[in-house]
């Protein structure tokens, strides 16, 4: 219950109101570690997605949650200085990659979103499967990251 009380206090205080400046050293320290863990897990989800549960959507969503956590801990201006990215363009590029990947099958006389794959021998990793689903998932992940972060930034600008 105290958590809800503190959240309602932040919501009820008008912009420029009498907000107390807090010492957020612990929050920033935990955020550094948590963001790395979340990003590592999102890469795992992304890379594992075309064979097991996961993929571009959940990988992109967890990446966006790490970025939002950074925004909440360090502030929008500080994060924008370090992550110089237009998330609207990122979402558009992601959709473009996903659609182009889906159209590749049509070009070769196959149905839309037909997947193809091959195997490559890499020096460190050995026999590695390369699939067009990974390219599609990349587009989905970029679209989800761009859209989710844009939604959160739009909500924060309205306050």
Protein backbone atom coordinates (compact mmCIF):
# COMPACT_ATOMS: atom_id res chain seq x y z
CA UNK A 1 0.00 0.00 0.00
CA UNK A 2 2.80 2.54 0.66
CA UNK A 3 3.93 2.07 -2.95
CA UNK A 4 0.55 3.14 -4.28
CA UNK A 5 0.54 6.12 -1.94
CA UNK A 6 3.88 7.35 -3.25
CA UNK A 7 2.79 6.85 -6.86
CA UNK A 8 -0.42 8.79 -6.27
CA UNK A 9 1.61 11.59 -4.67
CA UNK A 10 3.75 11.93 -7.80
CA UNK A 11 0.65 11.90 -9.99
CA UNK A 12 -1.19 14.48 -7.89
CA UNK A 13 1.67 17.00 -7.63
CA UNK A 14 1.31 19.53 -10.45
CA UNK A 15 4.21 20.25 -12.79
CA UNK A 16 6.57 22.68 -11.11
CA UNK A 17 4.95 21.90 -7.76
CA UNK A 18 6.69 21.51 -4.46
CA UNK A 19 8.55 18.27 -5.19
CA UNK A 20 11.32 17.23 -2.88
CA UNK A 21 14.67 16.45 -4.55
CA UNK A 22 15.70 12.95 -3.58
CA UNK A 23 19.12 11.38 -3.33
CA UNK A 24 18.77 8.66 -5.93
CA UNK A 25 22.24 7.10 -5.76
CA UNK A 26 20.81 3.68 -4.91
CA UNK A 27 18.27 3.89 -7.75
CA UNK A 28 20.96 4.81 -10.28
CA UNK A 29 23.32 2.10 -9.02
CA UNK A 30 20.66 -0.59 -9.21
CA UNK A 31 19.55 0.69 -12.63
CA UNK A 32 23.05 0.24 -14.06
CA UNK A 33 23.09 -3.42 -13.07
CA UNK A 34 19.43 -4.07 -13.90
CA UNK A 35 19.69 -2.49 -17.36
CA UNK A 36 22.63 -4.73 -18.26
CA UNK A 37 20.76 -7.81 -17.03
CA UNK A 38 17.58 -6.84 -18.90
CA UNK A 39 19.50 -6.12 -22.12
CA UNK A 40 21.40 -9.40 -21.89
CA UNK A 41 18.16 -11.31 -21.36
CA UNK A 42 16.51 -9.46 -24.25
CA UNK A 43 19.36 -10.52 -26.56
CA UNK A 44 18.87 -14.11 -25.41
CA UNK A 45 15.12 -13.89 -26.06
CA UNK A 46 15.73 -12.33 -29.46
CA UNK A 47 18.30 -14.90 -30.61
CA UNK A 48 16.30 -17.85 -29.27
CA UNK A 49 12.99 -16.81 -30.78
CA UNK A 50 12.83 -18.64 -34.08
CA UNK A 51 13.21 -22.06 -32.41
CA UNK A 52 11.75 -21.51 -28.92
CA UNK A 53 9.48 -18.96 -27.21
CA UNK A 54 10.85 -15.47 -27.67
CA UNK A 55 11.73 -13.51 -30.76
CA UNK A 56 11.64 -9.96 -31.98
CA UNK A 57 8.54 -8.83 -30.15
CA UNK A 58 9.44 -9.87 -26.62
CA UNK A 59 13.13 -9.10 -27.19
CA UNK A 60 12.22 -5.61 -28.38
CA UNK A 61 9.79 -5.10 -25.53
CA UNK A 62 12.36 -6.05 -22.91
CA UNK A 63 14.94 -3.77 -24.57
CA UNK A 64 12.42 -0.93 -24.48
CA UNK A 65 11.81 -1.62 -20.78
CA UNK A 66 15.54 -1.23 -20.11
CA UNK A 67 15.55 2.10 -21.96
CA UNK A 68 12.47 3.28 -20.03
CA UNK A 69 14.15 2.25 -16.77
CA UNK A 70 17.12 4.44 -17.74
CA UNK A 71 14.73 7.33 -18.50
CA UNK A 72 13.05 6.96 -15.11
CA UNK A 73 16.34 6.78 -13.20
CA UNK A 74 18.48 9.34 -14.98
CA UNK A 75 15.93 11.65 -16.57
CA UNK A 76 14.97 12.13 -20.19
CA UNK A 77 17.55 14.80 -21.01
CA UNK A 78 20.50 12.81 -19.62
CA UNK A 79 19.53 9.64 -21.50
CA UNK A 80 18.89 11.55 -24.74
CA UNK A 81 22.44 12.93 -24.51
CA UNK A 82 23.81 9.39 -24.37
CA UNK A 83 21.34 7.59 -26.64
CA UNK A 84 21.06 9.89 -29.63
CA UNK A 85 18.34 8.07 -31.48
CA UNK A 86 15.07 9.11 -33.07
CA UNK A 87 12.77 6.32 -31.94
CA UNK A 88 10.11 7.27 -34.51
CA UNK A 89 12.60 6.62 -37.30
CA UNK A 90 13.71 3.41 -35.57
CA UNK A 91 10.11 2.14 -35.58
CA UNK A 92 9.71 3.02 -39.26
CA UNK A 93 12.97 1.29 -40.19
CA UNK A 94 11.88 -1.79 -38.25
CA UNK A 95 8.56 -2.00 -40.09
CA UNK A 96 10.37 -1.52 -43.41
CA UNK A 97 12.82 -4.36 -42.63
CA UNK A 98 9.97 -6.69 -41.62
CA UNK A 99 7.93 -5.95 -44.75
CA UNK A 100 10.91 -6.26 -47.11
CA UNK A 101 11.84 -9.59 -45.51
CA UNK A 102 8.28 -10.80 -45.99
CA UNK A 103 8.24 -9.66 -49.61
CA UNK A 104 11.47 -11.55 -50.38
CA UNK A 105 9.49 -14.78 -50.59
CA UNK A 106 7.03 -13.22 -53.03
CA UNK A 107 9.91 -12.20 -55.31
CA UNK A 108 10.94 -15.85 -55.57
CA UNK A 109 7.39 -17.10 -56.20
CA UNK A 110 6.71 -18.20 -52.63
CA UNK A 111 3.97 -16.95 -50.25
CA UNK A 112 4.45 -13.79 -48.21
CA UNK A 113 6.65 -14.34 -45.11
CA UNK A 114 8.13 -17.62 -46.39
CA UNK A 115 11.23 -18.41 -44.37
CA UNK A 116 14.48 -19.74 -45.77
CA UNK A 117 17.62 -20.79 -43.96
CA UNK A 118 21.12 -22.09 -44.51
CA UNK A 119 24.14 -23.19 -42.54
CA UNK A 120 27.48 -21.39 -42.35
CA UNK A 121 30.71 -22.55 -40.72
CA UNK A 122 32.02 -19.74 -38.50
CA UNK A 123 35.51 -19.90 -36.93
CA UNK A 124 34.51 -19.44 -33.30
CA UNK A 125 30.89 -20.61 -33.31
CA UNK A 126 31.16 -23.61 -35.64
CA UNK A 127 28.12 -24.64 -37.69
CA UNK A 128 25.67 -21.74 -37.45
CA UNK A 129 22.18 -21.55 -38.90
CA UNK A 130 21.29 -18.33 -40.69
CA UNK A 131 17.56 -17.82 -41.18
CA UNK A 132 15.51 -15.11 -42.80
CA UNK A 133 13.33 -15.24 -39.68
CA UNK A 134 16.19 -13.57 -37.80
CA UNK A 135 16.09 -10.62 -40.21
CA UNK A 136 12.31 -10.43 -39.84
CA UNK A 137 12.65 -10.58 -36.04
CA UNK A 138 15.20 -7.75 -36.23
CA UNK A 139 12.60 -5.59 -37.97
CA UNK A 140 9.95 -6.52 -35.43
CA UNK A 141 12.31 -5.78 -32.53
CA UNK A 142 13.25 -2.36 -33.92
CA UNK A 143 9.59 -1.51 -34.53
CA UNK A 144 8.61 -2.56 -31.00
CA UNK A 145 11.51 -0.68 -29.37
CA UNK A 146 10.73 2.48 -31.32
CA UNK A 147 6.99 2.31 -30.69
CA UNK A 148 7.18 1.45 -26.98
CA UNK A 149 9.73 4.15 -26.18
CA UNK A 150 7.77 6.70 -28.24
CA UNK A 151 4.60 5.91 -26.31
CA UNK A 152 6.35 6.37 -22.96
CA UNK A 153 8.02 9.60 -24.10
CA UNK A 154 4.68 10.94 -25.40
CA UNK A 155 3.02 10.21 -22.07
CA UNK A 156 5.86 11.91 -20.17
CA UNK A 157 5.68 15.03 -22.35
CA UNK A 158 1.99 15.47 -21.54
CA UNK A 159 2.73 15.86 -17.82
